[in-house]
Amino acid sequence: MSDSQGDCIFCKIAAGEMGTTFVAESEHVVAFDDISPQAPCHVLVVPKVHVESVHQLDSQEVWAEMLTVVQQVAEAKGVVEGGYRIVSNAGPDSGQEVPHLHIHVIGGSKLGRIA
């Protein structure tokens, strides 16, 4: 992990450089609405330090904090009762578009099944 990755958009957002409103924030993690939502609730939870994907994450503390923020997002967005999905893609073949670890919190409507 490193403190930032020069032109990484998620590093800039997490550092507060983009003026993004955070849905939730903790010491090491921020959460913000996805700019291309796939459901009424579609929030990204990202660590403030740069790490490409869950495969490169070497901090149990950051992972645990990310999951805690996922729970806070679900509460804040009102999707706990109906349910929500969390997804983290790792690498280009998975569909990861931004090479910075992030968890999608998706809910607010009936979601299709995934294989």
N, C-alpha and C. Protein backbone atom coordinates (compact mmCIF):
# COMPACT_ATOMS: atom_id res chain seq x y z
N MET A 1 0.85 -1.18 0.00
CA MET A 1 0.00 0.00 0.00
C MET A 1 0.88 1.23 0.00
N SER A 2 0.38 2.29 -0.60
CA SER A 2 1.10 3.55 -0.58
C SER A 2 0.12 4.66 -0.26
N ASP A 3 0.65 5.83 0.10
CA ASP A 3 -0.21 6.94 0.50
C ASP A 3 -1.06 7.47 -0.65
N SER A 4 -0.54 7.48 -1.85
CA SER A 4 -1.34 7.91 -3.00
C SER A 4 -0.66 7.46 -4.27
N GLN A 5 -1.42 7.51 -5.33
CA GLN A 5 -0.93 7.11 -6.64
C GLN A 5 -1.24 8.27 -7.56
N GLY A 6 -0.25 9.12 -7.84
CA GLY A 6 -0.34 10.31 -8.67
C GLY A 6 -1.65 10.69 -9.31
N ASP A 7 -2.08 9.96 -10.33
CA ASP A 7 -3.27 10.36 -11.06
C ASP A 7 -4.48 9.48 -10.75
N CYS A 8 -4.46 8.74 -9.68
CA CYS A 8 -5.57 7.87 -9.30
C CYS A 8 -6.76 8.72 -8.85
N ILE A 9 -7.89 8.60 -9.56
CA ILE A 9 -9.07 9.39 -9.24
C ILE A 9 -9.59 9.08 -7.84
N PHE A 10 -9.53 7.83 -7.42
CA PHE A 10 -10.03 7.50 -6.08
C PHE A 10 -9.13 8.04 -4.99
N CYS A 11 -7.83 8.12 -5.24
CA CYS A 11 -6.93 8.76 -4.27
C CYS A 11 -7.27 10.24 -4.13
N LYS A 12 -7.55 10.88 -5.25
CA LYS A 12 -7.92 12.31 -5.22
C LYS A 12 -9.24 12.53 -4.50
N ILE A 13 -10.22 11.66 -4.76
CA ILE A 13 -11.51 11.77 -4.08
C ILE A 13 -11.32 11.57 -2.58
N ALA A 14 -10.60 10.51 -2.20
CA ALA A 14 -10.39 10.19 -0.78
C ALA A 14 -9.64 11.30 -0.05
N ALA A 15 -8.78 12.00 -0.78
CA ALA A 15 -8.01 13.10 -0.18
C ALA A 15 -8.82 14.39 -0.10
N GLY A 16 -10.03 14.38 -0.64
CA GLY A 16 -10.87 15.58 -0.60
C GLY A 16 -10.58 16.57 -1.69
N GLU A 17 -9.81 16.17 -2.70
CA GLU A 17 -9.40 17.09 -3.76
C GLU A 17 -10.47 17.33 -4.82
N MET A 18 -11.51 16.49 -4.84
CA MET A 18 -12.52 16.58 -5.91
C MET A 18 -13.83 17.21 -5.43
N GLY A 19 -13.92 17.56 -4.17
CA GLY A 19 -15.15 18.15 -3.63
C GLY A 19 -16.30 17.16 -3.53
N THR A 20 -16.00 15.89 -3.49
CA THR A 20 -17.02 14.84 -3.42
C THR A 20 -17.63 14.80 -2.03
N THR A 21 -18.94 14.66 -1.97
CA THR A 21 -19.64 14.49 -0.70
C THR A 21 -19.53 13.04 -0.27
N PHE A 22 -19.11 12.81 0.95
CA PHE A 22 -18.97 11.46 1.46
C PHE A 22 -20.26 11.00 2.13
N VAL A 23 -20.66 9.79 1.82
CA VAL A 23 -21.81 9.16 2.47
C VAL A 23 -21.41 8.73 3.88
N ALA A 24 -20.16 8.28 4.02
CA ALA A 24 -19.59 7.88 5.30
C ALA A 24 -18.08 8.06 5.22
N GLU A 25 -17.47 8.21 6.38
CA GLU A 25 -16.01 8.36 6.44
C GLU A 25 -15.51 7.86 7.78
N SER A 26 -14.35 7.22 7.75
CA SER A 26 -13.68 6.78 8.97
C SER A 26 -12.22 7.20 8.85
N GLU A 27 -11.41 6.75 9.77
CA GLU A 27 -9.99 7.14 9.76
C GLU A 27 -9.28 6.75 8.46
N HIS A 28 -9.56 5.55 7.95
CA HIS A 28 -8.83 5.03 6.79
C HIS A 28 -9.68 4.82 5.54
N VAL A 29 -10.98 5.15 5.61
CA VAL A 29 -11.91 4.79 4.54
C VAL A 29 -12.91 5.92 4.27
N VAL A 30 -13.28 6.07 2.99
CA VAL A 30 -14.37 6.99 2.62
C VAL A 30 -15.38 6.22 1.76
N ALA A 31 -16.60 6.74 1.72
CA ALA A 31 -17.65 6.16 0.89
C ALA A 31 -18.37 7.30 0.18
N PHE A 32 -18.65 7.10 -1.10
CA PHE A 32 -19.31 8.13 -1.90
C PHE A 32 -20.17 7.49 -2.97
N ASP A 33 -21.17 8.24 -3.44
CA ASP A 33 -22.07 7.74 -4.48
C ASP A 33 -21.32 7.50 -5.78
N ASP A 34 -21.64 6.39 -6.44
CA ASP A 34 -21.08 6.07 -7.75
C ASP A 34 -21.63 7.05 -8.78
N ILE A 35 -20.80 7.51 -9.71
CA ILE A 35 -21.27 8.48 -10.72
C ILE A 35 -22.12 7.83 -11.80
N SER A 36 -22.10 6.50 -11.90
CA SER A 36 -22.94 5.76 -12.85
C SER A 36 -23.68 4.66 -12.09
N PRO A 37 -24.65 5.06 -11.27
CA PRO A 37 -25.31 4.07 -10.41
C PRO A 37 -26.06 3.00 -11.19
N GLN A 38 -25.96 1.76 -10.70
CA GLN A 38 -26.64 0.63 -11.30
C GLN A 38 -27.91 0.27 -10.54
N ALA A 39 -28.19 0.99 -9.46
CA ALA A 39 -29.37 0.78 -8.63
C ALA A 39 -29.61 2.08 -7.85
N PRO A 40 -30.77 2.22 -7.20
CA PRO A 40 -31.02 3.44 -6.42
C PRO A 40 -29.93 3.74 -5.39
N CYS A 41 -29.38 2.69 -4.78
CA CYS A 41 -28.23 2.85 -3.88
C CYS A 41 -27.04 2.21 -4.58
N HIS A 42 -26.04 3.00 -4.89
CA HIS A 42 -24.80 2.47 -5.46
C HIS A 42 -23.67 3.36 -4.95
N VAL A 43 -23.02 2.88 -3.90
CA VAL A 43 -21.98 3.63 -3.20
C VAL A 43 -20.68 2.86 -3.30
N LEU A 44 -19.58 3.60 -3.44
CA LEU A 44 -18.25 3.01 -3.45
C LEU A 44 -17.56 3.27 -2.12
N VAL A 45 -16.98 2.23 -1.55
CA VAL A 45 -16.24 2.31 -0.30
C VAL A 45 -14.78 2.07 -0.64
N VAL A 46 -13.92 3.07 -0.37
CA VAL A 46 -12.51 2.97 -0.77
C VAL A 46 -11.58 3.33 0.39
N PRO A 47 -10.43 2.68 0.45
CA PRO A 47 -9.44 3.07 1.44
C PRO A 47 -8.78 4.40 1.03
N LYS A 48 -8.36 5.16 2.01
CA LYS A 48 -7.70 6.44 1.74
C LYS A 48 -6.29 6.24 1.19
N VAL A 49 -5.67 5.10 1.48
CA VAL A 49 -4.35 4.80 0.93
C VAL A 49 -4.54 4.03 -0.37
N HIS A 50 -3.59 4.17 -1.27
CA HIS A 50 -3.70 3.50 -2.56
C HIS A 50 -3.30 2.04 -2.44
N VAL A 51 -4.21 1.18 -2.87
CA VAL A 51 -3.95 -0.24 -3.02
C VAL A 51 -4.80 -0.68 -4.20
N GLU A 52 -4.23 -1.42 -5.13
CA GLU A 52 -4.92 -1.71 -6.39
C GLU A 52 -6.17 -2.55 -6.25
N SER A 53 -6.12 -3.61 -5.47
CA SER A 53 -7.29 -4.48 -5.34
C SER A 53 -7.18 -5.25 -4.03
N VAL A 54 -8.22 -6.02 -3.74
CA VAL A 54 -8.22 -6.81 -2.52
C VAL A 54 -7.03 -7.78 -2.51
N HIS A 55 -6.58 -8.20 -3.67
CA HIS A 55 -5.45 -9.13 -3.74
C HIS A 55 -4.16 -8.51 -3.21
N GLN A 56 -4.00 -7.21 -3.34
CA GLN A 56 -2.79 -6.53 -2.85
C GLN A 56 -2.93 -5.99 -1.43
N LEU A 57 -4.12 -6.05 -0.87
CA LEU A 57 -4.35 -5.49 0.46
C LEU A 57 -3.63 -6.33 1.51
N ASP A 58 -2.80 -5.68 2.32
CA ASP A 58 -2.07 -6.40 3.35
C ASP A 58 -2.42 -5.93 4.76
N SER A 59 -3.52 -5.21 4.89
CA SER A 59 -3.91 -4.69 6.19
C SER A 59 -5.29 -5.22 6.58
N GLN A 60 -5.31 -6.07 7.58
CA GLN A 60 -6.59 -6.56 8.09
C GLN A 60 -7.40 -5.42 8.70
N GLU A 61 -6.69 -4.44 9.27
CA GLU A 61 -7.36 -3.29 9.88
C GLU A 61 -8.14 -2.49 8.83
N VAL A 62 -7.53 -2.24 7.66
CA VAL A 62 -8.21 -1.50 6.61
C VAL A 62 -9.39 -2.31 6.07
N TRP A 63 -9.21 -3.61 5.86
CA TRP A 63 -10.31 -4.44 5.36
C TRP A 63 -11.48 -4.43 6.34
N ALA A 64 -11.19 -4.60 7.62
CA ALA A 64 -12.25 -4.58 8.64
C ALA A 64 -12.95 -3.22 8.66
N GLU A 65 -12.19 -2.17 8.53
CA GLU A 65 -12.77 -0.82 8.53
C GLU A 65 -13.65 -0.61 7.29
N MET A 66 -13.22 -1.15 6.15
CA MET A 66 -14.04 -1.05 4.94
C MET A 66 -15.39 -1.73 5.15
N LEU A 67 -15.39 -2.91 5.76
CA LEU A 67 -16.64 -3.63 5.99
C LEU A 67 -17.52 -2.91 7.00
N THR A 68 -16.92 -2.27 7.99
CA THR A 68 -17.69 -1.47 8.94
C THR A 68 -18.36 -0.29 8.22
N VAL A 69 -17.63 0.35 7.31
CA VAL A 69 -18.19 1.46 6.55
C VAL A 69 -19.29 0.96 5.61
N VAL A 70 -19.14 -0.24 5.04
CA VAL A 70 -20.21 -0.83 4.24
C VAL A 70 -21.50 -0.88 5.07
N GLN A 71 -21.40 -1.34 6.31
CA GLN A 71 -22.57 -1.41 7.19
C GLN A 71 -23.16 -0.01 7.44
N GLN A 72 -22.30 0.98 7.65
CA GLN A 72 -22.76 2.35 7.87
C GLN A 72 -23.48 2.89 6.64
N VAL A 73 -22.95 2.59 5.46
CA VAL A 73 -23.58 3.03 4.20
C VAL A 73 -24.96 2.40 4.06
N ALA A 74 -25.06 1.11 4.30
CA ALA A 74 -26.34 0.41 4.19
C ALA A 74 -27.38 1.03 5.12
N GLU A 75 -26.97 1.37 6.33
CA GLU A 75 -27.87 2.04 7.29
C GLU A 75 -28.25 3.42 6.77
N ALA A 76 -27.26 4.20 6.35
CA ALA A 76 -27.51 5.58 5.89
C ALA A 76 -28.41 5.62 4.67
N LYS A 77 -28.27 4.64 3.80
CA LYS A 77 -29.05 4.60 2.56
C LYS A 77 -30.38 3.85 2.72
N GLY A 78 -30.62 3.27 3.89
CA GLY A 78 -31.88 2.61 4.16
C GLY A 78 -32.10 1.31 3.41
N VAL A 79 -31.03 0.57 3.15
CA VAL A 79 -31.16 -0.68 2.39
C VAL A 79 -30.96 -1.94 3.23
N VAL A 80 -30.83 -1.79 4.53
CA VAL A 80 -30.58 -2.96 5.38
C VAL A 80 -31.76 -3.92 5.34
N GLU A 81 -32.96 -3.42 5.54
CA GLU A 81 -34.14 -4.29 5.62
C GLU A 81 -34.39 -5.04 4.32
N GLY A 82 -34.33 -4.37 3.19
CA GLY A 82 -34.58 -5.01 1.90
C GLY A 82 -33.41 -5.82 1.39
N GLY A 83 -32.23 -5.49 1.86
CA GLY A 83 -31.02 -6.18 1.46
C GLY A 83 -30.20 -5.41 0.45
N TYR A 84 -28.95 -5.78 0.36
CA TYR A 84 -28.01 -5.12 -0.54
C TYR A 84 -26.92 -6.09 -0.93
N ARG A 85 -26.21 -5.74 -1.96
CA ARG A 85 -25.11 -6.56 -2.46
C ARG A 85 -23.81 -5.78 -2.29
N ILE A 86 -22.73 -6.50 -1.95
CA ILE A 86 -21.40 -5.90 -1.97
C ILE A 86 -20.55 -6.67 -2.97
N VAL A 87 -19.76 -5.92 -3.75
CA VAL A 87 -18.93 -6.50 -4.80
C VAL A 87 -17.59 -5.76 -4.81
N SER A 88 -16.52 -6.52 -4.95
CA SER A 88 -15.20 -5.92 -5.15
C SER A 88 -14.51 -6.69 -6.27
N ASN A 89 -14.29 -6.03 -7.38
CA ASN A 89 -13.61 -6.65 -8.51
C ASN A 89 -12.10 -6.54 -8.32
N ALA A 90 -11.36 -7.54 -8.80
CA ALA A 90 -9.90 -7.53 -8.67
C ALA A 90 -9.27 -7.83 -10.03
N GLY A 91 -8.76 -6.79 -10.67
CA GLY A 91 -8.08 -6.94 -11.94
C GLY A 91 -8.97 -6.70 -13.15
N PRO A 92 -8.35 -6.49 -14.29
CA PRO A 92 -9.09 -6.12 -15.49
C PRO A 92 -10.06 -7.19 -15.99
N ASP A 93 -9.76 -8.46 -15.85
CA ASP A 93 -10.67 -9.51 -16.32
C ASP A 93 -11.95 -9.57 -15.50
N SER A 94 -11.93 -9.02 -14.29
CA SER A 94 -13.12 -9.02 -13.43
C SER A 94 -14.04 -7.85 -13.74
N GLY A 95 -13.54 -6.90 -14.51
CA GLY A 95 -14.32 -5.70 -14.80
C GLY A 95 -13.90 -4.51 -13.96
N GLN A 96 -12.81 -4.63 -13.20
CA GLN A 96 -12.34 -3.51 -12.39
C GLN A 96 -11.87 -2.40 -13.33
N GLU A 97 -12.53 -1.25 -13.27
CA GLU A 97 -12.21 -0.13 -14.16
C GLU A 97 -11.21 0.85 -13.55
N VAL A 98 -11.25 1.03 -12.23
CA VAL A 98 -10.32 1.92 -11.54
C VAL A 98 -9.41 1.06 -10.69
N PRO A 99 -8.10 1.09 -10.95
CA PRO A 99 -7.18 0.23 -10.20
C PRO A 99 -6.88 0.77 -8.80
N HIS A 100 -7.92 0.86 -8.00
CA HIS A 100 -7.85 1.26 -6.59
C HIS A 100 -8.94 0.44 -5.91
N LEU A 101 -8.58 -0.30 -4.87
CA LEU A 101 -9.53 -1.15 -4.17
C LEU A 101 -10.80 -0.39 -3.85
N HIS A 102 -11.93 -0.99 -4.16
CA HIS A 102 -13.22 -0.42 -3.78
C HIS A 102 -14.27 -1.51 -3.69
N ILE A 103 -15.21 -1.29 -2.79
CA ILE A 103 -16.35 -2.17 -2.62
C ILE A 103 -17.58 -1.41 -3.08
N HIS A 104 -18.35 -2.03 -3.99
CA HIS A 104 -19.63 -1.47 -4.41
C HIS A 104 -20.68 -1.92 -3.40
N VAL A 105 -21.49 -0.98 -2.91
CA VAL A 105 -22.64 -1.29 -2.08
C VAL A 105 -23.85 -0.96 -2.94
N ILE A 106 -24.62 -1.99 -3.32
CA ILE A 106 -25.68 -1.84 -4.31
C ILE A 106 -26.99 -2.34 -3.71
N GLY A 107 -28.03 -1.53 -3.80
CA GLY A 107 -29.32 -1.94 -3.27
C GLY A 107 -30.40 -0.93 -3.58
N GLY A 108 -31.52 -1.06 -2.89
CA GLY A 108 -32.62 -0.12 -3.07
C GLY A 108 -33.66 -0.59 -4.08
N SER A 109 -33.43 -1.73 -4.71
CA SER A 109 -34.38 -2.34 -5.62
C SER A 109 -34.04 -3.83 -5.70
N LYS A 110 -34.95 -4.59 -6.29
CA LYS A 110 -34.70 -6.03 -6.44
C LYS A 110 -33.56 -6.22 -7.44
N LEU A 111 -32.54 -6.92 -7.02
CA LEU A 111 -31.37 -7.14 -7.86
C LEU A 111 -31.46 -8.52 -8.52
N GLY A 112 -30.95 -8.61 -9.74
CA GLY A 112 -30.92 -9.89 -10.43
C GLY A 112 -29.94 -10.84 -9.79
N ARG A 113 -30.13 -12.09 -10.03
CA ARG A 113 -29.21 -13.12 -9.52
C ARG A 113 -27.89 -13.03 -10.27
N ILE A 114 -26.83 -13.38 -9.59
CA ILE A 114 -25.53 -13.47 -10.26
C ILE A 114 -25.08 -14.92 -10.19
N ALA A 115 -24.31 -15.31 -11.19
CA ALA A 115 -23.86 -16.71 -11.26
C ALA A 115 -22.87 -17.04 -10.19
